């Protein structure tokens, strides 16, 4: 059976992807740092009764132990991430906040992806295999009040390109999906702010993005329907990142 491992798959964008891949015939394994008893995890398992949940801390967890528990991974979705702890002047950014965001969004994500890639190369599969990196429009569009987040996503976008080049000769598709303003718990604190800006024309599609929007893009990538587009960057942002006057 095709198996998708999705970090942060218990909520938000990750859950949207988990639901879409499950509907496409993948067995889904969600991994995050919270306990399985957490309300979000229980709600996700209720929505996806055939899915599994494994606890894994990107900051200090053992990627090999996680993957031993998962088994062969057909589609790896590197989605888990954290925002800036506090929005504010980048000139007041602390090393602690910088290290926290970079540790999860970049360092932890890299070493888990590295172990996934190693195992994919060590165990050939009859299924098309893929690695999907969920970065952000913030990889290119800066916000000076959350510098550490933008830096982490810019570096994660480069990470996706690196894995694309390394894995392409082996038929593994690697893609960079860049969500825009998505309606999730992560954006709840700025919902009113962005709703007003969307109404003013910030997003050409004139609406918030939904986790299902990212899920619908992930499916053809995971199924190999865009295999020769290896390394592609796909904005999933309703046109937000299009340069305009």
Foldseek 3Di string as FASTA:
>chain_A
DAEEEFEVLLFFLNVLQQVLVVVVPHAYEYEEQDDCPDPSNVVSCVVVVRHHYDYAYLLDGDLVVVCVVRDQHQEYELEDFAFQPFFDALVPDDPVSLCVRLSRLPVSSLVNVVVNLVVCVVDPDPAQGEYEYEAALLLPDPDRRGHSNSVSSVVVLVSQLVVLVVCLVVRYATEYEHEYAEPTPNCVVCVVVVLVVLCVPLAVQSDHHYSNLSNVVVVCRSRCVPSVCGSYYHYSYNRNNPDDD
